[in-house]
Protein backbone atom coordinates (compact mmCIF):
# COMPACT_ATOMS: atom_id res chain seq x y z
CA MET A 1 -14.37 6.92 -8.16
CA ASP A 2 -11.06 8.31 -6.60
CA THR A 3 -8.27 5.96 -5.22
CA ARG A 4 -9.21 6.76 -1.58
CA SER A 5 -12.90 5.58 -2.09
CA ILE A 6 -11.81 2.52 -3.98
CA ILE A 7 -9.41 1.60 -1.11
CA ALA A 8 -12.28 2.39 1.45
CA SER A 9 -14.74 0.26 -0.33
CA ASN A 10 -12.19 -2.56 -0.74
CA ILE A 11 -11.06 -2.67 2.86
CA LYS A 12 -14.65 -3.37 3.75
CA LYS A 13 -15.39 -5.78 0.87
CA TYR A 14 -12.27 -7.99 1.68
CA ARG A 15 -12.90 -7.65 5.52
CA MET A 16 -16.49 -9.02 5.12
CA GLN A 17 -15.36 -11.71 2.69
CA ARG A 18 -13.04 -13.06 5.31
CA GLY A 19 -15.91 -12.95 7.84
CA LEU A 20 -14.18 -10.45 10.09
CA LYS A 21 -15.87 -7.69 12.17
CA GLN A 22 -14.19 -4.35 12.20
CA LYS A 23 -12.83 -4.98 15.70
CA GLU A 24 -11.57 -8.31 14.87
CA LEU A 25 -9.46 -6.62 11.84
CA ALA A 26 -8.48 -3.83 14.35
CA ASP A 27 -7.25 -6.36 16.83
CA ILE A 28 -4.99 -8.15 14.18
CA ILE A 29 -3.30 -5.09 12.79
CA GLY A 30 -3.11 -3.31 16.10
CA THR A 31 -5.60 -0.42 15.77
CA THR A 32 -9.08 0.34 16.92
CA GLY A 33 -12.46 -0.63 15.39
CA ASN A 34 -13.28 3.04 14.95
CA THR A 35 -10.10 3.65 12.86
CA ILE A 36 -11.35 0.62 10.53
CA SER A 37 -14.78 2.25 10.45
CA ASN A 38 -13.12 5.60 9.55
CA TRP A 39 -11.04 4.03 6.84
CA GLU A 40 -14.09 2.16 5.41
CA MET A 41 -16.24 5.25 5.36
CA ASN A 42 -13.40 7.25 3.84
CA VAL A 43 -13.48 9.71 6.71
CA SER A 44 -9.86 9.43 7.20
CA LYS A 45 -6.86 8.47 4.95
CA ILE A 46 -5.07 5.22 5.61
CA ASP A 47 -1.33 5.41 5.82
CA ILE A 48 0.80 2.99 3.75
CA ASP A 49 1.99 0.91 6.76
CA SER A 50 -1.65 0.26 7.86
CA LEU A 51 -2.59 -0.58 4.47
CA ALA A 52 0.11 -3.04 4.40
CA LYS A 53 -0.83 -4.45 7.53
CA ILE A 54 -4.69 -4.83 6.27
CA CYS A 55 -3.47 -6.48 3.09
CA GLU A 56 -1.44 -8.97 4.91
CA ALA A 57 -4.32 -9.80 7.37
CA LEU A 58 -6.69 -10.03 4.60
CA ASP A 59 -4.47 -11.92 2.38
CA VAL A 60 -4.98 -9.29 -0.42
CA ASP A 61 -2.26 -7.85 -2.79
CA VAL A 62 -1.82 -4.03 -2.69
CA GLN A 63 -2.66 -3.99 -6.18
CA GLN A 64 -6.07 -5.85 -5.68
CA MET A 65 -6.80 -3.25 -2.81
CA TYR A 66 -6.44 -0.39 -5.33
CA SER A 67 -8.34 -2.04 -8.20
CA GLY A 68 -10.53 -4.49 -6.53
CA ALA A 69 -9.94 -7.21 -8.95
CA ILE A 70 -9.50 -10.54 -6.99
CA ASN A 71 -7.31 -12.11 -9.39
CA ALA A 72 -5.47 -9.09 -10.64
CA THR A 73 -1.90 -9.68 -11.60
CA PRO A 74 0.33 -7.02 -10.05
CA ALA A 75 2.00 -4.67 -12.27
CA PRO A 76 5.65 -5.17 -12.91
CA LEU A 77 7.85 -2.87 -10.73
CA THR A 78 9.44 -0.11 -12.61
CA ILE A 79 12.35 1.95 -11.43
CA PRO A 80 12.78 5.68 -12.78
CA ASP A 81 15.61 5.99 -15.14
CA ASP A 82 16.90 9.02 -13.17
CA LEU A 83 17.76 6.55 -10.24
CA LYS A 84 20.26 4.46 -12.25
CA ASP A 85 22.66 3.99 -9.17
CA VAL A 86 19.80 2.42 -7.25
CA ARG A 87 19.06 0.02 -10.06
CA LEU A 88 22.14 -2.14 -8.91
CA ALA A 89 20.64 -2.68 -5.57
CA PHE A 90 17.43 -3.91 -7.08
CA HIS A 91 19.28 -6.15 -9.37
CA ARG A 92 21.08 -7.88 -6.55
CA GLY A 93 17.70 -8.22 -4.92
CA GLU A 94 18.12 -6.01 -1.96
CA PHE A 95 14.80 -4.61 -2.49
CA GLU A 96 12.85 -7.64 -4.04
CA ASP A 97 10.17 -7.57 -1.30
CA LEU A 98 9.34 -3.96 -1.83
CA THR A 99 5.70 -2.97 -3.31
CA GLN A 100 5.39 -0.39 -6.13
CA ASP A 101 4.16 2.15 -3.76
CA GLU A 102 7.25 1.60 -1.65
CA ILE A 103 9.44 2.06 -4.58
CA ASP A 104 7.87 5.14 -5.92
CA ALA A 105 8.19 6.56 -2.14
CA LEU A 106 11.86 5.68 -2.35
CA ALA A 107 12.13 7.45 -5.73
CA THR A 108 10.38 10.67 -4.40
CA ILE A 109 12.82 10.59 -1.44
CA ALA A 110 15.79 10.21 -3.66
CA LYS A 111 14.55 13.04 -5.93
CA THR A 112 14.00 15.43 -2.89
CA LEU A 113 17.36 14.56 -1.56
CA LYS A 114 19.01 15.40 -4.85
CA ALA A 115 17.07 18.73 -5.15
CA GLN A 116 18.16 19.70 -1.57
CA ARG A 117 21.80 19.04 -2.42
CA LYS A 118 21.58 21.56 -5.26
CA LEU A 119 20.44 24.25 -2.95
C-alpha cells in the first residue's frame, strides 16, 4: 500500500475511533465533509497543513498517521549533514516543535535556494 493510501485509510480509521462523522471532523479543522470524504477515499491528496490539523483534532501523531501503529514511537528527527549552519538553530531549540516532514521540507527549500544561488 502506498503512503497516500495509508494516510487515507488512517484518517477514516482514527476519525471513526473518535466517533466523529466526516462533517464533524471537517467543522473542527475548517474544511468540508466532501473534502474529508475525498481524502478518505484517496480521491485527492491531503496537504501537510490539513494533515497536521487532522492529527491534532484526532489526537494522533503524524508518524501514527503514516504507519497506523497506535503506539508507534516517533522516529528521531534527523538534520541532513549539508545543512550544518541550521543545526545551531535546532540545538538552540528554535525548531523543537517541527515534525520530521516539516524538517524535510525545510531541507528541500534550503537545497533549492543553494542551487538557485549557483545559477
